[in-house]
């Protein structure tokens, strides 16, 4: 079945909502985020840092392990979307990250991400724009 542009956009936005829910804590799963939301061959870039998280299929397993390790450090993690714009196989989001570490410290920052999707509706390109997070070095060491 061939999807209309509107159906593709709705499918892709649903993937982004799953991505945010999977990243969030409590209730989310970093493993689900990496394994189910992202394609097997993927490009993930921390654009402002000029660093790659994953290129192709190499490094995806290590990236998954790093995301799980980061997730364990927090009691609560939330993503709040301010804007979502979908067009064809692309979705742009703008929002805010809020995190509470197990020691009670709180962190937050704005972000924007430009996603591209494959024909199955999985993320094949993630260009994230945000300030350095406490985990930028760990994430970008995956390549």
Foldseek 3Di string as FASTA:
>chain_A
DDDDQVRLQVLLVVLVVLLQQQLWPDPHPLLCNLPPQADQFAWAAAVVVRFTLDGTNALSVVLSVLSRVVSVQFRTKGWDWPDWDTGRQKIKTKTKIWTAGPVGDIDMWIKMWIFGADPVNHTRYIHIYTPDDPCVVVRRVSD
